[in-house]
PDB file of N, CA and C in Angstrom:
ATOM      1  N   MET A   1      12.798 -20.968   8.691  1.00  0.00           N
ATOM      2  CA  MET A   1      12.673 -19.490   8.788  1.00  0.00           C
ATOM      3  C   MET A   1      12.920 -19.134  10.333  1.00  0.00           C
ATOM      4  N   LYS A   2      13.820 -18.236  10.552  1.00  0.00           N
ATOM      5  CA  LYS A   2      14.166 -17.770  11.866  1.00  0.00           C
ATOM      6  C   LYS A   2      13.225 -16.662  12.261  1.00  0.00           C
ATOM      7  N   PHE A   3      12.682 -16.842  13.502  1.00  0.00           N
ATOM      8  CA  PHE A   3      11.759 -15.793  13.990  1.00  0.00           C
ATOM      9  C   PHE A   3      12.486 -14.772  14.876  1.00  0.00           C
ATOM     10  N   ASP A   4      12.581 -13.571  14.420  1.00  0.00           N
ATOM     11  CA  ASP A   4      13.184 -12.559  15.249  1.00  0.00           C
ATOM     12  C   ASP A   4      12.313 -11.327  15.262  1.00  0.00           C
ATOM     13  N   ILE A   5      12.794 -10.183  15.754  1.00  0.00           N
ATOM     14  CA  ILE A   5      12.045  -8.999  15.859  1.00  0.00           C
ATOM     15  C   ILE A   5      11.583  -8.507  14.469  1.00  0.00           C
ATOM     16  N   SER A   6      12.464  -8.599  13.496  1.00  0.00           N
ATOM     17  CA  SER A   6      12.164  -8.221  12.125  1.00  0.00           C
ATOM     18  C   SER A   6      11.006  -9.013  11.533  1.00  0.00           C
ATOM     19  N   THR A   7      10.997 -10.325  11.786  1.00  0.00           N
ATOM     20  CA  THR A   7       9.927 -11.205  11.287  1.00  0.00           C
ATOM     21  C   THR A   7       8.614 -10.795  11.965  1.00  0.00           C
ATOM     22  N   GLY A   8       8.677 -10.534  13.310  1.00  0.00           N
ATOM     23  CA  GLY A   8       7.497 -10.163  14.020  1.00  0.00           C
ATOM     24  C   GLY A   8       6.922  -8.780  13.512  1.00  0.00           C
ATOM     25  N   ILE A   9       7.772  -7.873  13.251  1.00  0.00           N
ATOM     26  CA  ILE A   9       7.247  -6.597  12.660  1.00  0.00           C
ATOM     27  C   ILE A   9       6.676  -6.771  11.261  1.00  0.00           C
ATOM     28  N   SER A  10       7.433  -7.617  10.438  1.00  0.00           N
ATOM     29  CA  SER A  10       6.863  -7.968   9.186  1.00  0.00           C
ATOM     30  C   SER A  10       5.472  -8.597   9.234  1.00  0.00           C
ATOM     31  N   ILE A  11       5.263  -9.519  10.146  1.00  0.00           N
ATOM     32  CA  ILE A  11       4.008 -10.128  10.258  1.00  0.00           C
ATOM     33  C   ILE A  11       2.960  -9.208  10.738  1.00  0.00           C
ATOM     34  N   ALA A  12       3.251  -8.291  11.647  1.00  0.00           N
ATOM     35  CA  ALA A  12       2.349  -7.256  12.092  1.00  0.00           C
ATOM     36  C   ALA A  12       1.956  -6.292  10.925  1.00  0.00           C
ATOM     37  N   ALA A  13       2.985  -5.933  10.112  1.00  0.00           N
ATOM     38  CA  ALA A  13       2.728  -5.093   8.964  1.00  0.00           C
ATOM     39  C   ALA A  13       1.804  -5.720   7.953  1.00  0.00           C
ATOM     40  N   ILE A  14       2.016  -7.097   7.762  1.00  0.00           N
ATOM     41  CA  ILE A  14       1.130  -7.765   6.899  1.00  0.00           C
ATOM     42  C   ILE A  14      -0.355  -7.739   7.344  1.00  0.00           C
ATOM     43  N   PHE A  15      -0.573  -7.939   8.627  1.00  0.00           N
ATOM     44  CA  PHE A  15      -1.911  -7.901   9.145  1.00  0.00           C
ATOM     45  C   PHE A  15      -2.515  -6.427   9.013  1.00  0.00           C
ATOM     46  N   VAL A  16      -1.668  -5.442   9.199  1.00  0.00           N
ATOM     47  CA  VAL A  16      -2.168  -4.069   8.984  1.00  0.00           C
ATOM     48  C   VAL A  16      -2.503  -3.808   7.532  1.00  0.00           C
ATOM     49  N   MET A  17      -1.711  -4.382   6.624  1.00  0.00           N
ATOM     50  CA  MET A  17      -1.978  -4.219   5.160  1.00  0.00           C
ATOM     51  C   MET A  17      -3.249  -4.948   4.741  1.00  0.00           C
ATOM     52  N   ILE A  18      -3.473  -6.158   5.320  1.00  0.00           N
ATOM     53  CA  ILE A  18      -4.700  -6.860   5.000  1.00  0.00           C
ATOM     54  C   ILE A  18      -5.911  -6.095   5.532  1.00  0.00           C
ATOM     55  N   TYR A  19      -5.779  -5.480   6.713  1.00  0.00           N
ATOM     56  CA  TYR A  19      -6.863  -4.664   7.225  1.00  0.00           C
ATOM     57  C   TYR A  19      -7.130  -3.478   6.281  1.00  0.00           C
ATOM     58  N   CYS A  20      -6.006  -2.761   5.851  1.00  0.00           N
ATOM     59  CA  CYS A  20      -6.139  -1.692   4.924  1.00  0.00           C
ATOM     60  C   CYS A  20      -6.779  -2.091   3.630  1.00  0.00           C
ATOM     61  N   LEU A  21      -6.449  -3.308   3.191  1.00  0.00           N
ATOM     62  CA  LEU A  21      -7.025  -3.779   1.940  1.00  0.00           C
ATOM     63  C   LEU A  21      -8.547  -4.003   2.103  1.00  0.00           C
ATOM     64  N   PHE A  22      -8.932  -4.522   3.202  1.00  0.00           N
ATOM     65  CA  PHE A  22     -10.348  -4.617   3.519  1.00  0.00           C
ATOM     66  C   PHE A  22     -11.040  -3.275   3.537  1.00  0.00           C
ATOM     67  N   LEU A  23     -10.426  -2.257   4.183  1.00  0.00           N
ATOM     68  CA  LEU A  23     -11.007  -0.984   4.207  1.00  0.00           C
ATOM     69  C   LEU A  23     -11.097  -0.252   2.824  1.00  0.00           C
ATOM     70  N   VAL A  24     -10.061  -0.477   2.073  1.00  0.00           N
ATOM     71  CA  VAL A  24     -10.020   0.058   0.736  1.00  0.00           C
ATOM     72  C   VAL A  24     -11.194  -0.455  -0.131  1.00  0.00           C
ATOM     73  N   PHE A  25     -11.362  -1.800  -0.133  1.00  0.00           N
ATOM     74  CA  PHE A  25     -12.459  -2.388  -0.849  1.00  0.00           C
ATOM     75  C   PHE A  25     -13.789  -1.992  -0.336  1.00  0.00           C
ATOM     76  N   LYS A  26     -13.959  -1.934   0.984  1.00  0.00           N
ATOM     77  CA  LYS A  26     -15.205  -1.550   1.577  1.00  0.00           C
ATOM     78  C   LYS A  26     -15.608  -0.085   1.221  1.00  0.00           C
ATOM     79  N   LEU A  27     -14.603   0.808   1.386  1.00  0.00           N
ATOM     80  CA  LEU A  27     -14.886   2.189   1.038  1.00  0.00           C
ATOM     81  C   LEU A  27     -14.938   2.465  -0.439  1.00  0.00           C
ATOM     82  N   GLY A  28     -14.330   1.641  -1.242  1.00  0.00           N
ATOM     83  CA  GLY A  28     -14.376   1.789  -2.664  1.00  0.00           C
ATOM     84  C   GLY A  28     -15.807   1.672  -3.221  1.00  0.00           C
ATOM     85  N   LYS A  29     -16.642   0.932  -2.535  1.00  0.00           N
ATOM     86  CA  LYS A  29     -18.031   0.803  -2.975  1.00  0.00           C
ATOM     87  C   LYS A  29     -18.797   2.190  -2.895  1.00  0.00           C
ATOM     88  N   GLN A  30     -18.292   3.082  -2.061  1.00  0.00           N
ATOM     89  CA  GLN A  30     -18.928   4.344  -1.785  1.00  0.00           C
ATOM     90  C   GLN A  30     -18.316   5.520  -2.547  1.00  0.00           C
ATOM     91  N   VAL A  31     -17.207   5.210  -3.235  1.00  0.00           N
ATOM     92  CA  VAL A  31     -16.465   6.302  -3.921  1.00  0.00           C
ATOM     93  C   VAL A  31     -17.146   6.550  -5.288  1.00  0.00           C
ATOM     94  N   PRO A  32     -17.461   7.837  -5.539  1.00  0.00           N
ATOM     95  CA  PRO A  32     -18.129   8.099  -6.832  1.00  0.00           C
ATOM     96  C   PRO A  32     -17.102   7.982  -7.981  1.00  0.00           C
ATOM     97  N   GLY A  33     -17.614   8.064  -9.224  1.00  0.00           N
ATOM     98  CA  GLY A  33     -16.720   7.981 -10.355  1.00  0.00           C
ATOM     99  C   GLY A  33     -15.929   9.248 -10.559  1.00  0.00           C
ATOM    100  N   GLY A  34     -15.610   9.535 -11.744  1.00  0.00           N
ATOM    101  CA  GLY A  34     -14.799  10.728 -12.079  1.00  0.00           C
ATOM    102  C   GLY A  34     -13.375  10.620 -11.618  1.00  0.00           C
ATOM    103  N   VAL A  35     -12.801  11.723 -11.342  1.00  0.00           N
ATOM    104  CA  VAL A  35     -11.396  11.852 -10.927  1.00  0.00           C
ATOM    105  C   VAL A  35     -11.178  11.081  -9.625  1.00  0.00           C
ATOM    106  N   VAL A  36     -12.052  11.275  -8.661  1.00  0.00           N
ATOM    107  CA  VAL A  36     -11.881  10.609  -7.386  1.00  0.00           C
ATOM    108  C   VAL A  36     -11.926   9.115  -7.565  1.00  0.00           C
ATOM    109  N   GLY A  37     -12.927   8.595  -8.375  1.00  0.00           N
ATOM    110  CA  GLY A  37     -13.080   7.184  -8.638  1.00  0.00           C
ATOM    111  C   GLY A  37     -11.847   6.600  -9.285  1.00  0.00           C
ATOM    112  N   LYS A  38     -11.297   7.386 -10.304  1.00  0.00           N
ATOM    113  CA  LYS A  38     -10.166   6.882 -11.053  1.00  0.00           C
ATOM    114  C   LYS A  38      -8.913   6.847 -10.097  1.00  0.00           C
ATOM    115  N   ASN A  39      -8.717   7.846  -9.233  1.00  0.00           N
ATOM    116  CA  ASN A  39      -7.670   7.842  -8.352  1.00  0.00           C
ATOM    117  C   ASN A  39      -7.815   6.688  -7.224  1.00  0.00           C
ATOM    118  N   TRP A  40      -9.013   6.469  -6.851  1.00  0.00           N
ATOM    119  CA  TRP A  40      -9.261   5.471  -5.867  1.00  0.00           C
ATOM    120  C   TRP A  40      -8.914   4.059  -6.382  1.00  0.00           C
ATOM    121  N   LYS A  41      -9.247   3.857  -7.668  1.00  0.00           N
ATOM    122  CA  LYS A  41      -8.895   2.574  -8.294  1.00  0.00           C
ATOM    123  C   LYS A  41      -7.409   2.300  -8.311  1.00  0.00           C
ATOM    124  N   PHE A  42      -6.681   3.372  -8.569  1.00  0.00           N
ATOM    125  CA  PHE A  42      -5.245   3.354  -8.633  1.00  0.00           C
ATOM    126  C   PHE A  42      -4.700   3.099  -7.218  1.00  0.00           C
ATOM    127  N   LEU A  43      -5.259   3.820  -6.255  1.00  0.00           N
ATOM    128  CA  LEU A  43      -4.844   3.638  -4.863  1.00  0.00           C
ATOM    129  C   LEU A  43      -5.079   2.162  -4.384  1.00  0.00           C
ATOM    130  N   THR A  44      -6.201   1.627  -4.802  1.00  0.00           N
ATOM    131  CA  THR A  44      -6.581   0.235  -4.499  1.00  0.00           C
ATOM    132  C   THR A  44      -5.506  -0.733  -5.077  1.00  0.00           C
ATOM    133  N   LEU A  45      -5.122  -0.488  -6.346  1.00  0.00           N
ATOM    134  CA  LEU A  45      -4.087  -1.292  -7.029  1.00  0.00           C
ATOM    135  C   LEU A  45      -2.822  -1.224  -6.227  1.00  0.00           C
ATOM    136  N   LEU A  46      -2.420   0.007  -5.777  1.00  0.00           N
ATOM    137  CA  LEU A  46      -1.214   0.157  -5.045  1.00  0.00           C
ATOM    138  C   LEU A  46      -1.212  -0.586  -3.671  1.00  0.00           C
ATOM    139  N   VAL A  47      -2.432  -0.525  -2.981  1.00  0.00           N
ATOM    140  CA  VAL A  47      -2.605  -1.261  -1.749  1.00  0.00           C
ATOM    141  C   VAL A  47      -2.464  -2.818  -1.975  1.00  0.00           C
ATOM    142  N   VAL A  48      -3.023  -3.249  -3.087  1.00  0.00           N
ATOM    143  CA  VAL A  48      -2.875  -4.673  -3.446  1.00  0.00           C
ATOM    144  C   VAL A  48      -1.440  -5.023  -3.601  1.00  0.00           C
ATOM    145  N   LEU A  49      -0.695  -4.163  -4.368  1.00  0.00           N
ATOM    146  CA  LEU A  49       0.780  -4.401  -4.601  1.00  0.00           C
ATOM    147  C   LEU A  49       1.509  -4.338  -3.327  1.00  0.00           C
ATOM    148  N   PHE A  50       1.238  -3.398  -2.452  1.00  0.00           N
ATOM    149  CA  PHE A  50       1.917  -3.343  -1.133  1.00  0.00           C
ATOM    150  C   PHE A  50       1.631  -4.554  -0.378  1.00  0.00           C
ATOM    151  N   THR A  51       0.439  -5.037  -0.294  1.00  0.00           N
ATOM    152  CA  THR A  51       0.145  -6.213   0.404  1.00  0.00           C
ATOM    153  C   THR A  51       0.819  -7.409  -0.059  1.00  0.00           C
ATOM    154  N   LEU A  52       0.978  -7.556  -1.475  1.00  0.00           N
ATOM    155  CA  LEU A  52       1.684  -8.653  -1.962  1.00  0.00           C
ATOM    156  C   LEU A  52       3.232  -8.508  -1.641  1.00  0.00           C
ATOM    157  N   GLY A  53       3.757  -7.368  -1.684  1.00  0.00           N
ATOM    158  CA  GLY A  53       5.158  -7.059  -1.300  1.00  0.00           C
ATOM    159  C   GLY A  53       5.410  -7.341   0.140  1.00  0.00           C
ATOM    160  N   TYR A  54       4.449  -6.943   1.049  1.00  0.00           N
ATOM    161  CA  TYR A  54       4.653  -7.191   2.465  1.00  0.00           C
ATOM    162  C   TYR A  54       4.586  -8.683   2.801  1.00  0.00           C
ATOM    163  N   LEU A  55       3.836  -9.425   1.970  1.00  0.00           N
ATOM    164  CA  LEU A  55       3.757 -10.899   2.145  1.00  0.00           C
ATOM    165  C   LEU A  55       5.091 -11.552   2.009  1.00  0.00           C
ATOM    166  N   THR A  56       5.925 -10.945   1.177  1.00  0.00           N
ATOM    167  CA  THR A  56       7.264 -11.507   0.922  1.00  0.00           C
ATOM    168  C   THR A  56       8.282 -11.239   2.036  1.00  0.00           C
ATOM    169  N   THR A  57       8.056 -10.151   2.818  1.00  0.00           N
ATOM    170  CA  THR A  57       9.090  -9.842   3.791  1.00  0.00           C
ATOM    171  C   THR A  57       9.522 -10.861   4.810  1.00  0.00           C
ATOM    172  N   PRO A  58       8.601 -11.702   5.312  1.00  0.00           N
ATOM    173  CA  PRO A  58       9.142 -12.678   6.264  1.00  0.00           C
ATOM    174  C   PRO A  58      10.056 -13.619   5.656  1.00  0.00           C
ATOM    175  N   PHE A  59      10.134 -13.760   4.267  1.00  0.00           N
ATOM    176  CA  PHE A  59      11.007 -14.651   3.583  1.00  0.00           C
ATOM    177  C   PHE A  59      12.305 -14.030   3.069  1.00  0.00           C
ATOM    178  N   PHE A  60      12.540 -12.757   3.410  1.00  0.00           N
ATOM    179  CA  PHE A  60      13.670 -12.039   2.914  1.00  0.00           C
ATOM    180  C   PHE A  60      14.972 -12.768   3.214  1.00  0.00           C
ATOM    181  N   GLY A  61      14.981 -13.422   4.339  1.00  0.00           N
ATOM    182  CA  GLY A  61      16.195 -14.104   4.697  1.00  0.00           C
ATOM    183  C   GLY A  61      16.497 -15.315   3.879  1.00  0.00           C
ATOM    184  N   LEU A  62      15.499 -15.836   3.198  1.00  0.00           N
ATOM    185  CA  LEU A  62      15.620 -16.976   2.296  1.00  0.00           C
ATOM    186  C   LEU A  62      15.934 -16.569   0.888  1.00  0.00           C
ATOM    187  N   LEU A  63      15.827 -15.302   0.524  1.00  0.00           N
ATOM    188  CA  LEU A  63      15.860 -14.858  -0.805  1.00  0.00           C
ATOM    189  C   LEU A  63      17.256 -14.262  -1.161  1.00  0.00           C
ATOM    190  N   PRO A  64      17.677 -14.269  -2.388  1.00  0.00           N
ATOM    191  CA  PRO A  64      19.000 -13.710  -2.750  1.00  0.00           C
ATOM    192  C   PRO A  64      18.932 -12.162  -2.466  1.00  0.00           C
ATOM    193  N   PRO A  65      20.096 -11.625  -2.009  1.00  0.00           N
ATOM    194  CA  PRO A  65      20.149 -10.193  -1.608  1.00  0.00           C
ATOM    195  C   PRO A  65      19.713  -9.275  -2.784  1.00  0.00           C
ATOM    196  N   GLN A  66      19.971  -9.578  -3.980  1.00  0.00           N
ATOM    197  CA  GLN A  66      19.545  -8.720  -5.064  1.00  0.00           C
ATOM    198  C   GLN A  66      18.035  -8.616  -5.110  1.00  0.00           C
ATOM    199  N   PHE A  67      17.347  -9.703  -4.887  1.00  0.00           N
ATOM    200  CA  PHE A  67      15.883  -9.669  -4.919  1.00  0.00           C
ATOM    201  C   PHE A  67      15.319  -8.891  -3.810  1.00  0.00           C
ATOM    202  N   VAL A  68      15.894  -9.037  -2.573  1.00  0.00           N
ATOM    203  CA  VAL A  68      15.502  -8.287  -1.418  1.00  0.00           C
ATOM    204  C   VAL A  68      15.703  -6.812  -1.675  1.00  0.00           C
ATOM    205  N   THR A  69      16.786  -6.386  -2.184  1.00  0.00           N
ATOM    206  CA  THR A  69      17.023  -4.994  -2.525  1.00  0.00           C
ATOM    207  C   THR A  69      16.063  -4.426  -3.575  1.00  0.00           C
ATOM    208  N   LEU A  70      15.736  -5.256  -4.581  1.00  0.00           N
ATOM    209  CA  LEU A  70      14.752  -4.869  -5.602  1.00  0.00           C
ATOM    210  C   LEU A  70      13.367  -4.708  -4.969  1.00  0.00           C
ATOM    211  N   MET A  71      13.021  -5.699  -4.131  1.00  0.00           N
ATOM    212  CA  MET A  71      11.678  -5.597  -3.484  1.00  0.00           C
ATOM    213  C   MET A  71      11.564  -4.416  -2.593  1.00  0.00           C
ATOM    214  N   ALA A  72      12.581  -4.104  -1.806  1.00  0.00           N
ATOM    215  CA  ALA A  72      12.573  -2.890  -0.901  1.00  0.00           C
ATOM    216  C   ALA A  72      12.467  -1.617  -1.736  1.00  0.00           C
ATOM    217  N   SER A  73      13.225  -1.582  -2.827  1.00  0.00           N
ATOM    218  CA  SER A  73      13.181  -0.404  -3.682  1.00  0.00           C
ATOM    219  C   SER A  73      11.864  -0.221  -4.286  1.00  0.00           C
ATOM    220  N   LEU A  74      11.184  -1.298  -4.757  1.00  0.00           N
ATOM    221  CA  LEU A  74       9.901  -1.175  -5.330  1.00  0.00           C
ATOM    222  C   LEU A  74       8.842  -0.749  -4.328  1.00  0.00           C
ATOM    223  N   ILE A  75       8.926  -1.239  -3.104  1.00  0.00           N
ATOM    224  CA  ILE A  75       8.031  -0.866  -2.070  1.00  0.00           C
ATOM    225  C   ILE A  75       8.158   0.628  -1.765  1.00  0.00           C
ATOM    226  N   PHE A  76       9.402   1.096  -1.657  1.00  0.00           N
ATOM    227  CA  PHE A  76       9.660   2.483  -1.446  1.00  0.00           C
ATOM    228  C   PHE A  76       9.112   3.393  -2.583  1.00  0.00           C
ATOM    229  N   PHE A  77       9.420   2.952  -3.826  1.00  0.00           N
ATOM    230  CA  PHE A  77       9.001   3.744  -5.023  1.00  0.00           C
ATOM    231  C   PHE A  77       7.489   3.889  -5.110  1.00  0.00           C
ATOM    232  N   PHE A  78       6.781   2.655  -4.992  1.00  0.00           N
ATOM    233  CA  PHE A  78       5.369   2.751  -5.038  1.00  0.00           C
ATOM    234  C   PHE A  78       4.677   3.378  -3.751  1.00  0.00           C
ATOM    235  N   GLY A  79       5.404   3.310  -2.714  1.00  0.00           N
ATOM    236  CA  GLY A  79       4.939   4.009  -1.493  1.00  0.00           C
ATOM    237  C   GLY A  79       4.975   5.548  -1.739  1.00  0.00           C
ATOM    238  N   ALA A  80       6.014   5.998  -2.437  1.00  0.00           N
ATOM    239  CA  ALA A  80       6.135   7.446  -2.737  1.00  0.00           C
ATOM    240  C   ALA A  80       4.986   7.839  -3.691  1.00  0.00           C
ATOM    241  N   ILE A  81       4.692   7.031  -4.686  1.00  0.00           N
ATOM    242  CA  ILE A  81       3.584   7.337  -5.582  1.00  0.00           C
ATOM    243  C   ILE A  81       2.323   7.343  -4.774  1.00  0.00           C
ATOM    244  N   TYR A  82       2.095   6.333  -3.924  1.00  0.00           N
ATOM    245  CA  TYR A  82       0.884   6.281  -3.084  1.00  0.00           C
ATOM    246  C   TYR A  82       0.736   7.599  -2.279  1.00  0.00           C
ATOM    247  N   VAL A  83       1.798   8.105  -1.719  1.00  0.00           N
ATOM    248  CA  VAL A  83       1.666   9.315  -0.901  1.00  0.00           C
ATOM    249  C   VAL A  83       1.305  10.506  -1.784  1.00  0.00           C
ATOM    250  N   VAL A  84       1.898  10.626  -2.954  1.00  0.00           N
ATOM    251  CA  VAL A  84       1.649  11.726  -3.838  1.00  0.00           C
ATOM    252  C   VAL A  84       0.120  11.687  -4.199  1.00  0.00           C
ATOM    253  N   ILE A  85      -0.377  10.506  -4.679  1.00  0.00           N
ATOM    254  CA  ILE A  85      -1.770  10.476  -5.073  1.00  0.00           C
ATOM    255  C   ILE A  85      -2.710  10.744  -3.930  1.00  0.00           C
ATOM    256  N   THR A  86      -2.392  10.266  -2.746  1.00  0.00           N
ATOM    257  CA  THR A  86      -3.205  10.522  -1.561  1.00  0.00           C
ATOM    258  C   THR A  86      -3.212  11.950  -1.210  1.00  0.00           C
ATOM    259  N   VAL A  87      -2.152  12.618  -1.228  1.00  0.00           N
ATOM    260  CA  VAL A  87      -2.085  14.030  -0.815  1.00  0.00           C
ATOM    261  C   VAL A  87      -2.845  14.795  -1.889  1.00  0.00           C
ATOM    262  N   LYS A  88      -2.690  14.482  -3.211  1.00  0.00           N
ATOM    263  CA  LYS A  88      -3.427  15.270  -4.267  1.00  0.00           C
ATOM    264  C   LYS A  88      -4.947  15.021  -4.112  1.00  0.00           C
ATOM    265  N   LEU A  89      -5.296  13.827  -3.766  1.00  0.00           N
ATOM    266  CA  LEU A  89      -6.742  13.457  -3.621  1.00  0.00           C
ATOM    267  C   LEU A  89      -7.263  14.187  -2.460  1.00  0.00           C
ATOM    268  N   ILE A  90      -6.631  14.268  -1.346  1.00  0.00           N
ATOM    269  CA  ILE A  90      -7.115  14.996  -0.167  1.00  0.00           C
ATOM    270  C   ILE A  90      -7.148  16.555  -0.504  1.00  0.00           C
ATOM    271  N   PHE A  91      -6.151  16.987  -1.230  1.00  0.00           N
ATOM    272  CA  PHE A  91      -6.183  18.378  -1.694  1.00  0.00           C
ATOM    273  C   PHE A  91      -7.397  18.699  -2.469  1.00  0.00           C
ATOM    274  N   ARG A  92      -7.746  17.798  -3.432  1.00  0.00           N
ATOM    275  CA  ARG A  92      -8.931  17.982  -4.300  1.00  0.00           C
ATOM    276  C   ARG A  92     -10.211  18.006  -3.390  1.00  0.00           C
ATOM    277  N   ILE A  93     -10.267  17.136  -2.428  1.00  0.00           N
ATOM    278  CA  ILE A  93     -11.465  16.970  -1.651  1.00  0.00           C
ATOM    279  C   ILE A  93     -11.584  18.289  -0.834  1.00  0.00           C
ATOM    280  N   ILE A  94     -10.531  18.782  -0.208  1.00  0.00           N
ATOM    281  CA  ILE A  94     -10.614  20.003   0.551  1.00  0.00           C
ATOM    282  C   ILE A  94     -10.915  21.145  -0.326  1.00  0.00           C
ATOM    283  N   GLU A  95     -10.362  21.211  -1.515  1.00  0.00           N
ATOM    284  CA  GLU A  95     -10.705  22.254  -2.495  1.00  0.00           C
ATOM    285  C   GLU A  95     -12.233  22.249  -2.773  1.00  0.00           C
ATOM    286  N   GLU A  96     -12.790  21.059  -3.064  1.00  0.00           N
ATOM    287  CA  GLU A  96     -14.219  20.938  -3.333  1.00  0.00           C
ATOM    288  C   GLU A  96     -15.073  21.425  -2.130  1.00  0.00           C
ATOM    289  N   LEU A  97     -14.625  20.967  -0.925  1.00  0.00           N
ATOM    290  CA  LEU A  97     -15.479  21.369   0.232  1.00  0.00           C
ATOM    291  C   LEU A  97     -15.352  22.884   0.564  1.00  0.00           C
ATOM    292  N   SER A  98     -14.283  23.517   0.149  1.00  0.00           N
ATOM    293  CA  SER A  98     -14.063  24.913   0.398  1.00  0.00           C
ATOM    294  C   SER A  98     -14.832  25.769  -0.653  1.00  0.00           C
ATOM    295  N   ALA A  99     -15.148  25.246  -1.711  1.00  0.00           N
ATOM    296  CA  ALA A  99     -15.832  26.006  -2.847  1.00  0.00           C
ATOM    297  C   ALA A  99     -17.221  26.323  -2.562  1.00  0.00           C
TER     298      ALA A  99
END
């Protein structure tokens, strides 16, 4: 495996995702049930998927181009879903605090 700037960035991203995974599990113990709890469980699943996807990025140079394209597309797609759920969850929280 050749180490270049892309590999360095991928490794840094992996560490950030592992840290996020730690935070998601830690905070998850404090999240109540209901709609927030259901969304939190889905967000946790997405963070796990992202972490697994990010773990593959240093090996992209060793993988067939079709697989790399598929992995990147999946990361983008699930990233978009993650953003939608996060924004909706924050909207609900602000809505509840304003009531």
